[in-house]
Structure formats: C-alpha cells, structure tokens
Protein backbone atom coordinates (compact mmCIF):
# COMPACT_ATOMS: atom_id res chain seq x y z
CA MET A 1 -13.48 9.21 -64.14
CA GLU A 2 -11.36 9.23 -67.27
CA ILE A 3 -7.58 9.07 -67.26
CA THR A 4 -7.42 12.48 -68.91
CA GLU A 5 -9.45 13.98 -66.05
CA PHE A 6 -7.02 12.64 -63.47
CA VAL A 7 -4.03 13.94 -65.41
CA GLU A 8 -5.61 17.38 -65.70
CA THR A 9 -6.29 17.48 -61.95
CA LEU A 10 -2.69 16.41 -61.33
CA ARG A 11 -1.50 19.22 -63.61
CA LEU A 12 -3.56 21.88 -61.86
CA ASP A 13 -2.93 20.79 -58.27
CA GLY A 14 0.79 20.27 -58.83
CA GLY A 15 1.09 23.88 -59.94
CA LEU A 16 -0.95 25.08 -56.95
CA LEU A 17 1.19 23.00 -54.61
CA ALA A 18 4.37 24.59 -55.94
CA ASP A 19 2.84 28.07 -55.71
CA ALA A 20 1.88 27.50 -52.07
CA ALA A 21 5.31 26.08 -51.26
CA ASP A 22 6.90 29.17 -52.78
CA GLU A 23 4.63 31.46 -50.78
CA ALA A 24 5.02 29.63 -47.46
CA GLY A 25 8.79 29.27 -47.57
CA PRO A 26 10.88 26.18 -46.74
CA ASP A 27 10.62 26.53 -42.95
CA ALA A 28 6.82 26.65 -42.76
CA THR A 29 5.25 23.93 -40.61
CA VAL A 30 2.85 21.54 -42.35
CA PRO A 31 -0.22 21.34 -40.03
CA ALA A 32 -1.33 17.83 -41.05
CA CYS A 33 2.24 16.50 -40.72
CA PRO A 34 3.69 18.54 -37.82
CA GLU A 35 7.02 16.72 -37.98
CA TRP A 36 7.50 18.15 -41.49
CA ARG A 37 8.59 21.56 -42.69
CA MET A 38 7.67 22.69 -46.17
CA ARG A 39 11.05 21.57 -47.52
CA ASP A 40 10.22 18.02 -46.36
CA LEU A 41 6.86 18.10 -48.14
CA VAL A 42 8.47 19.36 -51.34
CA ARG A 43 11.17 16.71 -51.19
CA HIS A 44 8.57 13.98 -50.63
CA VAL A 45 6.29 15.03 -53.49
CA GLY A 46 9.17 15.70 -55.87
CA THR A 47 10.67 12.29 -55.14
CA VAL A 48 7.35 10.48 -55.62
CA HIS A 49 6.67 12.29 -58.90
CA ARG A 50 10.06 11.23 -60.26
CA TRP A 51 9.59 7.67 -59.00
CA VAL A 52 6.25 7.33 -60.79
CA THR A 53 7.63 8.92 -63.94
CA GLY A 54 10.19 6.12 -63.98
CA MET A 55 7.49 3.49 -63.49
CA VAL A 56 5.64 4.90 -66.52
CA THR A 57 8.53 5.66 -68.88
CA GLU A 58 10.62 2.61 -67.98
CA PRO A 59 7.97 -0.04 -67.23
CA ARG A 60 8.85 -2.96 -65.01
CA GLU A 61 7.00 -5.80 -63.32
CA GLN A 62 8.39 -5.11 -59.84
CA ARG A 63 8.52 -2.02 -57.68
CA ARG A 64 11.46 0.19 -58.52
CA PRO A 65 13.42 1.85 -55.68
CA LEU A 66 12.78 5.50 -54.91
CA PRO A 67 15.28 7.78 -56.62
CA GLU A 68 18.00 9.33 -54.51
CA LEU A 69 17.28 12.86 -53.40
CA PRO A 70 19.83 15.29 -54.84
CA GLU A 71 21.59 17.88 -52.72
CA LEU A 72 19.44 20.98 -53.11
CA THR A 73 19.47 24.40 -51.55
CA ASP A 74 16.21 25.85 -50.29
CA ASP A 75 16.09 28.14 -53.33
CA GLU A 76 16.35 25.14 -55.66
CA LEU A 77 13.56 23.08 -54.09
CA VAL A 78 10.45 24.58 -55.71
CA PRO A 79 11.93 24.73 -59.25
CA TRP A 80 12.99 21.09 -58.76
CA LEU A 81 9.43 20.24 -57.71
CA ARG A 82 7.96 22.00 -60.74
CA GLU A 83 10.33 20.20 -63.10
CA GLY A 84 9.48 16.74 -61.74
CA HIS A 85 5.77 17.50 -61.76
CA HIS A 86 5.91 18.62 -65.39
CA ARG A 87 7.76 15.45 -66.39
CA LEU A 88 5.17 13.28 -64.63
CA VAL A 89 2.24 15.01 -66.31
CA LEU A 90 3.95 14.62 -69.68
CA ALA A 91 4.75 10.95 -69.03
CA LEU A 92 1.14 10.12 -68.13
CA HIS A 93 -0.25 12.20 -71.00
CA THR A 94 1.90 10.42 -73.59
CA ALA A 95 1.94 6.89 -72.14
CA PRO A 96 0.35 4.12 -74.24
CA ALA A 97 -3.07 2.95 -73.15
CA ASP A 98 -1.75 -0.62 -72.92
CA LEU A 99 1.10 0.32 -70.56
CA ARG A 100 2.22 -2.64 -68.45
CA THR A 101 4.05 -1.73 -65.27
CA TRP A 102 3.97 -2.41 -61.53
CA THR A 103 1.05 -1.15 -59.42
CA PHE A 104 -0.06 -1.80 -55.85
CA LEU A 105 -3.87 -1.50 -55.90
CA PRO A 106 -6.51 -2.99 -58.24
CA ALA A 107 -7.28 -0.78 -61.25
CA PRO A 108 -8.66 -1.08 -64.80
CA SER A 109 -5.11 -0.66 -66.13
CA PRO A 110 -1.67 0.41 -64.88
CA LEU A 111 -2.05 3.76 -66.63
CA ALA A 112 -5.43 4.34 -64.99
CA PHE A 113 -3.94 3.38 -61.63
CA TRP A 114 -0.99 5.77 -61.76
CA ALA A 115 -3.01 8.68 -63.16
CA ARG A 116 -5.57 8.28 -60.39
CA ARG A 117 -3.06 7.68 -57.61
CA GLN A 118 -0.88 10.64 -58.52
CA ALA A 119 -3.85 12.96 -58.90
CA HIS A 120 -4.98 12.14 -55.37
CA GLU A 121 -1.45 12.08 -53.95
CA THR A 122 -0.87 15.56 -55.32
CA SER A 123 -4.28 16.94 -54.33
CA VAL A 124 -3.90 15.90 -50.70
CA HIS A 125 -0.40 17.36 -50.50
CA ARG A 126 -1.57 20.51 -52.30
CA ALA A 127 -3.98 20.94 -49.38
CA ASP A 128 -1.03 20.44 -47.02
CA ALA A 129 0.95 23.14 -48.78
CA GLN A 130 -1.93 25.62 -48.86
CA GLN A 131 -2.61 25.05 -45.16
CA ALA A 132 1.07 25.65 -44.44
CA ALA A 133 0.95 28.86 -46.47
CA GLY A 134 -2.18 30.01 -44.65
CA VAL A 135 -4.19 30.44 -47.85
CA ALA A 136 -7.68 29.21 -48.67
CA LEU A 137 -7.91 25.67 -49.99
CA THR A 138 -8.67 25.49 -53.69
CA PRO A 139 -12.01 23.65 -54.08
CA LEU A 140 -12.01 20.15 -55.53
CA PRO A 141 -14.73 18.87 -57.87
CA ALA A 142 -17.17 16.74 -55.89
CA ARG A 143 -16.85 13.84 -58.33
CA PHE A 144 -13.07 13.76 -57.95
CA ALA A 145 -13.29 14.00 -54.16
CA ALA A 146 -15.80 11.13 -54.06
CA ASP A 147 -13.41 9.06 -56.16
CA GLY A 148 -10.68 9.80 -53.62
CA VAL A 149 -12.90 8.58 -50.80
CA ASP A 150 -13.49 5.41 -52.79
CA GLU A 151 -9.77 4.87 -53.40
CA LEU A 152 -9.01 5.34 -49.73
CA LEU A 153 -11.77 3.05 -48.45
CA ARG A 154 -11.81 0.31 -51.08
CA GLY A 155 -8.14 0.51 -51.99
CA PHE A 156 -5.79 1.42 -49.16
CA HIS A 157 -7.97 0.28 -46.27
CA ALA A 158 -9.03 -2.96 -47.93
CA GLY A 159 -5.56 -4.38 -47.29
CA ASP A 160 -4.10 -6.08 -44.25
CA ARG A 161 -1.98 -3.03 -43.39
CA SER A 162 -5.06 -1.04 -42.34
CA ARG A 163 -5.04 -0.40 -38.60
CA VAL A 164 -8.68 0.72 -38.43
CA ARG A 165 -9.84 -2.16 -36.25
CA PRO A 166 -12.25 -1.59 -33.36
CA ALA A 167 -12.49 -3.62 -30.18
CA LYS A 168 -15.87 -4.92 -31.37
CA PRO A 169 -17.50 -5.03 -34.83
CA GLY A 170 -19.28 -1.91 -36.07
CA THR A 171 -20.52 -0.26 -39.24
CA LEU A 172 -19.69 3.24 -40.41
CA ARG A 173 -21.89 4.86 -43.09
CA LEU A 174 -20.35 7.67 -45.14
CA ARG A 175 -22.49 9.79 -47.42
CA ALA A 176 -21.44 12.62 -49.74
CA ASN A 177 -24.54 14.77 -49.94
CA ASP A 178 -23.46 16.52 -53.16
CA THR A 179 -22.73 13.40 -55.23
CA PRO A 180 -25.53 11.00 -56.27
CA ASP A 181 -23.69 7.66 -56.05
CA ALA A 182 -21.33 8.40 -53.16
CA VAL A 183 -22.55 6.34 -50.21
CA TRP A 184 -20.33 3.80 -48.49
CA THR A 185 -20.88 1.26 -45.72
CA VAL A 186 -17.66 0.37 -43.94
CA HIS A 187 -17.79 -2.87 -41.97
CA LEU A 188 -15.23 -2.67 -39.17
CA THR A 189 -13.98 -5.73 -37.29
CA PRO A 190 -11.19 -6.42 -34.81
CA ASP A 191 -10.03 -9.43 -36.83
CA GLY A 192 -9.22 -7.92 -40.22
CA PRO A 193 -9.20 -4.85 -42.44
CA PRO A 194 -12.40 -2.88 -43.10
CA ARG A 195 -14.72 -4.19 -45.80
CA THR A 196 -16.42 -1.40 -47.74
CA GLU A 197 -19.46 -1.44 -50.00
CA ARG A 198 -20.28 1.48 -52.29
CA HIS A 199 -23.97 2.04 -52.97
CA THR A 200 -25.30 3.50 -56.20
CA THR A 201 -28.12 5.36 -54.44
CA PRO A 202 -28.71 6.44 -50.84
CA ASP A 203 -31.71 4.12 -50.66
CA ALA A 204 -29.53 1.11 -51.50
CA ALA A 205 -27.82 1.48 -48.12
CA ASP A 206 -30.91 0.40 -46.24
CA ALA A 207 -29.29 -1.44 -43.31
CA THR A 208 -28.85 0.55 -40.11
CA ALA A 209 -25.30 1.68 -39.42
CA ASP A 210 -23.77 2.24 -36.00
CA CYS A 211 -22.56 5.67 -37.10
CA THR A 212 -23.40 7.84 -40.10
CA VAL A 213 -21.19 10.68 -41.33
CA GLU A 214 -22.57 13.02 -43.96
CA GLY A 215 -21.26 16.09 -45.76
CA PRO A 216 -19.86 17.40 -49.04
CA ALA A 217 -17.55 14.98 -50.85
CA GLU A 218 -14.55 17.31 -50.53
CA GLU A 219 -14.97 17.61 -46.75
CA LEU A 220 -15.34 13.85 -46.41
CA TYR A 221 -12.24 13.34 -48.54
CA LEU A 222 -10.03 15.70 -46.58
CA ALA A 223 -11.38 14.58 -43.21
CA LEU A 224 -10.78 10.90 -44.02
CA TRP A 225 -7.22 11.82 -45.02
CA ASN A 226 -6.95 13.68 -41.69
CA ARG A 227 -6.44 17.02 -43.47
CA LEU A 228 -9.58 18.67 -42.05
CA PRO A 229 -11.38 18.28 -38.72
CA TRP A 230 -14.67 16.43 -38.75
CA ASP A 231 -16.50 19.42 -37.23
CA GLY A 232 -18.14 20.42 -40.51
CA LEU A 233 -19.59 16.96 -41.07
CA LYS A 234 -22.89 15.71 -39.68
CA VAL A 235 -22.14 12.76 -37.38
CA SER A 236 -24.89 10.67 -35.84
CA GLY A 237 -24.59 7.46 -33.83
CA ASP A 238 -21.53 5.96 -32.18
CA PRO A 239 -18.81 8.67 -32.01
CA SER A 240 -16.10 6.12 -31.24
CA LEU A 241 -15.94 5.01 -34.90
CA PRO A 242 -14.93 8.41 -36.34
CA ALA A 243 -12.51 8.75 -33.39
CA LEU A 244 -11.00 5.36 -34.26
CA TRP A 245 -10.54 6.52 -37.85
CA ARG A 246 -8.82 9.74 -36.79
CA GLU A 247 -6.45 7.81 -34.52
CA ARG A 248 -5.52 4.88 -36.75
CA ALA A 249 -6.23 5.62 -40.41
CA ALA A 250 -2.97 7.32 -41.32
CA ILE A 251 -1.39 5.81 -44.46
C-alpha cells in the first residue's frame, strides 16, 4: 500500500474513533480492554498521536519519551483527541519522503513505517471505541486489513518479545479468502518467536499445516488483535494453536 493510503485511513478512522468516544461517554467500558474506560482509551490514543507527531516533525535517531498527559476534564478529552489526530495527519501528509527518524520495525522508510503503524494503531482502537459505544463497526478495506495481519505476524510477532510459544512445534495457516495474496504460514516453536511466511497464492502454501484458519481479511485482522471472537472464522485442525494465540498474543 502507498503512504497516502495509510494516511487517508488514519484520517478517516481517527475521526470515527472520536465520534464513537463522544457517543459512548468517558465512563463506557472498552470490551477488548476491560480494565479501561473510554477516557483511558482516548488518553492513550491522544498521547500516541502526539508522540508520533514529534517523531515526524522533530526527527531523532533514538526513541523520544512519551509526552506528559495534561490535566483534562472529561469534556475536554475528545476535542483534545481530535486536535492531536489532526496534527498527526498533517505531519505525515507534509513530511519529506526522505524523513530520517527512529522506528522499531523494518519498513521501506521511516515515513512509510509511521504512516502504516499509526493507521493500524488508530483502526484497531477505532474498533475499540465503536464496540464501547455499541455501534456497528465501520468496515475496513480487505487490502488494508490484510496488511495489518502482515504487520502483526511479520513485524510484532517476529521479535523476541512475542509470547506465542507452544509446548511443542506447530504450524498455523492463516488465509484471507477475500484477498488474493493473503496467505500466511506461521511456524510456532517453544524456543523462539514465531516465524511467518507470506505466500503470493494459496497454492504456494502447499505444505500441510497443523491448523488452518480462514475468513475475510477484516475478521482475521480483528480476531488476531483479539478484538473479535474467532467464531466467524473457519478453523480446521489443532484447536490449541488458535487458543494459544488468544491467550498469549496481546501486544
């Protein structure tokens, strides 16, 4: 996907997140994060948006500290969220293509990294806010959702911090049935982080997997982020592997 596509998704989902937060109210419980109320979600997203804006507008080679959260009343939270979101979109939209700043996952460029990461960060938390508000989830484009699955599997869970480690080795096959090149084989081992291959066609994943999970890219995306149950996905083979993911994959 292009950087401009990520920034546009960030723009749209940030607005929807703020709308849902406004509708739900600050005391609403966030189903995917039951220890949070809506005010906690808004504070988290608003802080991250401002942090990344600083990484883009004031580039540096090392991670910058998170900004301090200002004292805000409940009535001030959503306007504060909207302001920070707008500044982030503007920063990414106007940043130079050769931006050099700190990142934490491999990417074609720092600008590509932050546009992609913030689009997915905001989309997942937009789903949180809409679930808290009790409104229907706004559909995500299948191509974007498949990219989010790829970032999660080959980015976050490729590192040593991943806790998705079974008692014995196994393979998990994930297939988005509405996206042509969205098939992944996740090799799970007790001795290290998962190793994931993405296949360009379903036929390229010819080796037998211990468990196969299939469904629309958006449902895979939200289930892997533990934002939706796996009930709507077709699961065949060893059920312990999806259960292991649900228990240990939180970022």
